[in-house]
Each structure stands twice: as C-alpha cells, then as structure tokens.
Amino acid sequence: MAVLDGLYLGKISFAQFIELAGRLDIERLEGFAKKMNAPTIHRLGYLLDKAKIKHSLSPISKKKYKLDMNGPASGRLDKTWNLILNAVV
C-alpha cells in the first residue's frame, strides 16, 4: 500500500498521514503492516491512535523504536507503543 511505503520511506509526513487516515481502508492497511517489520507496526499503531482511528494493531516487541527513524534517539517514550517520540506529530 503506497501510503505505508510513504511512511516507511519518509516520503509522507506524520501530519499528512493523520490527515489522510480517515479516508484509508484501515483493515487493508493493517494487513499490509503486519507483513512489515515491528517498527513499522509500532509507528502505524501510534499514528492511528493519534488520529483517533480504531484499529486492531498492538505492539509486537518490547524493543524501543524511534518514531522518526532518521531522527535523533532522544525524546519522550510512548510506553504503549515503545516509541521514542523524536518528531512532532
């Protein structure tokens, strides 16, 4: 799914994703996400939560990941998704 690839590759901003999220097929998006890696699932779950969109994703690892994979390794930790919030959403 292009939007998930865009998030993964950093071509879609977090703000753009949240703006688009209400128009996406969430079940289909979840299906694609579950075929990707743990950081992608954690980031997507966090962003769907921020957009207040119901989903069935849950954290699959206790490892900490950065929200912005290219950003610094510092920021507040979201304990639900084990994400270091190193970017503004």
N, C-alpha and C. Protein backbone atom coordinates (compact mmCIF):
# COMPACT_ATOMS: atom_id res chain seq x y z
N MET A 1 0.86 -1.18 0.00
CA MET A 1 0.00 0.00 0.00
C MET A 1 0.90 1.24 0.00
N ALA A 2 0.67 2.13 -0.93
CA ALA A 2 1.55 3.28 -1.15
C ALA A 2 1.71 4.16 0.08
N VAL A 3 0.64 4.37 0.82
CA VAL A 3 0.73 5.26 1.98
C VAL A 3 1.66 4.65 3.04
N LEU A 4 1.64 3.35 3.20
CA LEU A 4 2.51 2.69 4.16
C LEU A 4 3.97 2.76 3.70
N ASP A 5 4.18 2.56 2.41
CA ASP A 5 5.53 2.72 1.86
C ASP A 5 6.02 4.15 2.05
N GLY A 6 5.14 5.11 1.83
CA GLY A 6 5.49 6.51 2.01
C GLY A 6 5.89 6.82 3.44
N LEU A 7 5.18 6.24 4.40
CA LEU A 7 5.55 6.41 5.81
C LEU A 7 6.90 5.76 6.07
N TYR A 8 7.06 4.53 5.60
CA TYR A 8 8.28 3.76 5.83
C TYR A 8 9.49 4.48 5.24
N LEU A 9 9.33 5.04 4.05
CA LEU A 9 10.45 5.70 3.38
C LEU A 9 10.60 7.17 3.74
N GLY A 10 9.69 7.68 4.56
CA GLY A 10 9.77 9.08 4.96
C GLY A 10 9.28 10.05 3.91
N LYS A 11 8.51 9.59 2.94
CA LYS A 11 8.02 10.46 1.86
C LYS A 11 6.67 11.09 2.20
N ILE A 12 6.03 10.58 3.26
CA ILE A 12 4.77 11.16 3.75
C ILE A 12 5.03 11.59 5.19
N SER A 13 4.74 12.83 5.49
CA SER A 13 4.95 13.30 6.86
C SER A 13 3.91 12.70 7.78
N PHE A 14 4.19 12.73 9.06
CA PHE A 14 3.24 12.22 10.04
C PHE A 14 1.94 13.03 9.99
N ALA A 15 2.07 14.33 9.81
CA ALA A 15 0.88 15.18 9.71
C ALA A 15 0.05 14.83 8.47
N GLN A 16 0.71 14.57 7.36
CA GLN A 16 0.00 14.17 6.14
C GLN A 16 -0.72 12.85 6.34
N PHE A 17 -0.06 11.90 7.01
CA PHE A 17 -0.69 10.62 7.27
C PHE A 17 -1.95 10.79 8.11
N ILE A 18 -1.86 11.56 9.18
CA ILE A 18 -3.02 11.76 10.05
C ILE A 18 -4.16 12.41 9.28
N GLU A 19 -3.82 13.34 8.38
CA GLU A 19 -4.83 13.98 7.55
C GLU A 19 -5.51 12.96 6.62
N LEU A 20 -4.75 12.03 6.07
CA LEU A 20 -5.27 11.01 5.15
C LEU A 20 -5.95 9.84 5.86
N ALA A 21 -5.61 9.59 7.09
CA ALA A 21 -6.00 8.37 7.79
C ALA A 21 -7.50 8.09 7.77
N GLY A 22 -8.31 9.10 7.88
CA GLY A 22 -9.76 8.92 7.89
C GLY A 22 -10.32 8.41 6.58
N ARG A 23 -9.54 8.50 5.51
CA ARG A 23 -10.01 8.06 4.18
C ARG A 23 -9.41 6.72 3.76
N LEU A 24 -8.65 6.11 4.64
CA LEU A 24 -7.98 4.86 4.29
C LEU A 24 -8.79 3.65 4.69
N ASP A 25 -8.56 2.55 4.01
CA ASP A 25 -9.14 1.27 4.37
C ASP A 25 -8.24 0.69 5.47
N ILE A 26 -8.65 0.86 6.72
CA ILE A 26 -7.80 0.52 7.86
C ILE A 26 -7.50 -0.98 7.91
N GLU A 27 -8.49 -1.81 7.64
CA GLU A 27 -8.25 -3.27 7.66
C GLU A 27 -7.18 -3.67 6.64
N ARG A 28 -7.27 -3.08 5.48
CA ARG A 28 -6.28 -3.37 4.43
C ARG A 28 -4.90 -2.86 4.84
N LEU A 29 -4.86 -1.67 5.41
CA LEU A 29 -3.62 -1.07 5.88
C LEU A 29 -2.98 -1.95 6.96
N GLU A 30 -3.81 -2.45 7.87
CA GLU A 30 -3.31 -3.33 8.93
C GLU A 30 -2.72 -4.61 8.33
N GLY A 31 -3.40 -5.16 7.34
CA GLY A 31 -2.91 -6.36 6.68
C GLY A 31 -1.53 -6.18 6.08
N PHE A 32 -1.34 -5.06 5.40
CA PHE A 32 -0.03 -4.77 4.82
C PHE A 32 1.00 -4.55 5.93
N ALA A 33 0.62 -3.82 6.96
CA ALA A 33 1.55 -3.50 8.06
C ALA A 33 2.04 -4.77 8.74
N LYS A 34 1.15 -5.74 8.90
CA LYS A 34 1.52 -6.98 9.59
C LYS A 34 2.54 -7.80 8.80
N LYS A 35 2.72 -7.47 7.54
CA LYS A 35 3.73 -8.15 6.72
C LYS A 35 5.08 -7.42 6.78
N MET A 36 5.09 -6.27 7.43
CA MET A 36 6.31 -5.46 7.52
C MET A 36 6.97 -5.70 8.87
N ASN A 37 7.94 -4.89 9.20
CA ASN A 37 8.70 -5.09 10.43
C ASN A 37 8.03 -4.45 11.65
N ALA A 38 8.52 -4.82 12.82
CA ALA A 38 7.94 -4.34 14.08
C ALA A 38 7.93 -2.82 14.19
N PRO A 39 9.02 -2.12 13.85
CA PRO A 39 8.98 -0.66 13.97
C PRO A 39 7.84 -0.03 13.16
N THR A 40 7.58 -0.57 11.97
CA THR A 40 6.51 -0.04 11.13
C THR A 40 5.15 -0.25 11.80
N ILE A 41 4.94 -1.42 12.37
CA ILE A 41 3.68 -1.70 13.07
C ILE A 41 3.52 -0.76 14.25
N HIS A 42 4.58 -0.55 15.02
CA HIS A 42 4.52 0.33 16.17
C HIS A 42 4.23 1.77 15.75
N ARG A 43 4.91 2.23 14.71
CA ARG A 43 4.68 3.60 14.24
C ARG A 43 3.24 3.78 13.73
N LEU A 44 2.77 2.81 12.96
CA LEU A 44 1.42 2.91 12.41
C LEU A 44 0.39 2.89 13.53
N GLY A 45 0.54 2.00 14.49
CA GLY A 45 -0.40 1.95 15.61
C GLY A 45 -0.44 3.26 16.37
N TYR A 46 0.72 3.83 16.62
CA TYR A 46 0.80 5.11 17.31
C TYR A 46 0.09 6.21 16.51
N LEU A 47 0.36 6.27 15.22
CA LEU A 47 -0.25 7.31 14.40
C LEU A 47 -1.76 7.14 14.28
N LEU A 48 -2.23 5.90 14.17
CA LEU A 48 -3.68 5.68 14.13
C LEU A 48 -4.32 6.09 15.46
N ASP A 49 -3.63 5.80 16.56
CA ASP A 49 -4.13 6.26 17.87
C ASP A 49 -4.21 7.78 17.91
N LYS A 50 -3.16 8.44 17.42
CA LYS A 50 -3.14 9.92 17.40
C LYS A 50 -4.28 10.48 16.54
N ALA A 51 -4.61 9.76 15.47
CA ALA A 51 -5.69 10.20 14.58
C ALA A 51 -7.05 9.78 15.10
N LYS A 52 -7.06 9.07 16.25
CA LYS A 52 -8.30 8.60 16.89
C LYS A 52 -9.09 7.67 15.95
N ILE A 53 -8.35 6.76 15.31
CA ILE A 53 -8.96 5.80 14.40
C ILE A 53 -8.84 4.41 15.01
N LYS A 54 -9.98 3.73 15.08
CA LYS A 54 -9.99 2.37 15.63
C LYS A 54 -9.18 1.44 14.74
N HIS A 55 -8.45 0.55 15.38
CA HIS A 55 -7.64 -0.42 14.66
C HIS A 55 -7.40 -1.63 15.55
N SER A 56 -6.84 -2.68 14.97
CA SER A 56 -6.59 -3.89 15.74
C SER A 56 -5.10 -4.15 15.96
N LEU A 57 -4.26 -3.17 15.65
CA LEU A 57 -2.82 -3.36 15.84
C LEU A 57 -2.47 -3.31 17.31
N SER A 58 -1.41 -4.02 17.67
CA SER A 58 -0.88 -3.95 19.02
C SER A 58 0.63 -4.13 18.93
N PRO A 59 1.35 -3.62 19.94
CA PRO A 59 2.80 -3.74 19.90
C PRO A 59 3.22 -5.22 19.82
N ILE A 60 4.24 -5.51 19.03
CA ILE A 60 4.69 -6.90 18.89
C ILE A 60 6.09 -7.10 19.45
N SER A 61 6.66 -6.05 20.01
CA SER A 61 8.01 -6.13 20.56
C SER A 61 8.13 -5.19 21.75
N LYS A 62 8.99 -5.54 22.67
CA LYS A 62 9.26 -4.67 23.81
C LYS A 62 10.44 -3.74 23.52
N LYS A 63 11.07 -3.93 22.38
CA LYS A 63 12.19 -3.08 21.98
C LYS A 63 11.69 -1.66 21.72
N LYS A 64 12.54 -0.68 22.00
CA LYS A 64 12.19 0.71 21.75
C LYS A 64 12.62 1.10 20.33
N TYR A 65 11.73 1.80 19.65
CA TYR A 65 12.00 2.29 18.30
C TYR A 65 11.80 3.79 18.27
N LYS A 66 12.43 4.44 17.28
CA LYS A 66 12.23 5.88 17.11
C LYS A 66 11.00 6.10 16.22
N LEU A 67 10.19 7.09 16.57
CA LEU A 67 9.06 7.44 15.71
C LEU A 67 9.57 7.84 14.33
N ASP A 68 10.52 8.76 14.30
CA ASP A 68 11.17 9.15 13.04
C ASP A 68 12.48 8.38 12.97
N MET A 69 12.54 7.39 12.10
CA MET A 69 13.73 6.52 12.08
C MET A 69 15.00 7.27 11.70
N ASN A 70 14.88 8.43 11.08
CA ASN A 70 16.06 9.23 10.71
C ASN A 70 16.37 10.32 11.73
N GLY A 71 15.52 10.46 12.74
CA GLY A 71 15.70 11.50 13.74
C GLY A 71 16.61 11.06 14.88
N PRO A 72 16.82 11.96 15.83
CA PRO A 72 17.69 11.65 16.97
C PRO A 72 17.06 10.56 17.86
N ALA A 73 17.89 9.92 18.65
CA ALA A 73 17.42 8.86 19.55
C ALA A 73 17.03 9.42 20.91
N SER A 74 16.52 10.64 20.90
CA SER A 74 16.09 11.25 22.16
C SER A 74 14.67 11.77 22.02
N GLY A 75 13.97 11.81 23.13
CA GLY A 75 12.59 12.27 23.15
C GLY A 75 11.83 11.47 24.19
N ARG A 76 10.61 11.89 24.44
CA ARG A 76 9.74 11.21 25.40
C ARG A 76 9.40 9.82 24.87
N LEU A 77 9.24 8.86 25.78
CA LEU A 77 8.91 7.50 25.39
C LEU A 77 7.41 7.27 25.51
N ASP A 78 6.79 6.82 24.42
CA ASP A 78 5.39 6.39 24.48
C ASP A 78 5.44 4.92 24.91
N LYS A 79 4.97 4.67 26.13
CA LYS A 79 5.10 3.33 26.71
C LYS A 79 4.15 2.31 26.09
N THR A 80 3.06 2.77 25.49
CA THR A 80 2.15 1.83 24.83
C THR A 80 2.81 1.21 23.61
N TRP A 81 3.42 2.05 22.79
CA TRP A 81 4.00 1.60 21.52
C TRP A 81 5.52 1.47 21.57
N ASN A 82 6.13 1.75 22.72
CA ASN A 82 7.59 1.67 22.86
C ASN A 82 8.29 2.51 21.80
N LEU A 83 7.75 3.71 21.60
CA LEU A 83 8.32 4.62 20.61
C LEU A 83 8.95 5.82 21.28
N ILE A 84 10.15 6.15 20.84
CA ILE A 84 10.79 7.39 21.26
C ILE A 84 10.21 8.48 20.37
N LEU A 85 9.50 9.42 20.99
CA LEU A 85 8.80 10.47 20.23
C LEU A 85 9.79 11.59 19.90
N ASN A 86 10.52 11.38 18.84
CA ASN A 86 11.57 12.30 18.42
C ASN A 86 11.15 13.22 17.29
N ALA A 87 9.85 13.27 17.06
CA ALA A 87 9.32 14.13 15.98
C ALA A 87 7.96 14.66 16.41
N VAL A 88 7.60 15.78 15.85
CA VAL A 88 6.30 16.40 16.12
C VAL A 88 5.27 15.75 15.21
N VAL A 89 4.14 15.38 15.79
CA VAL A 89 3.05 14.76 15.00
C VAL A 89 1.92 15.75 14.90
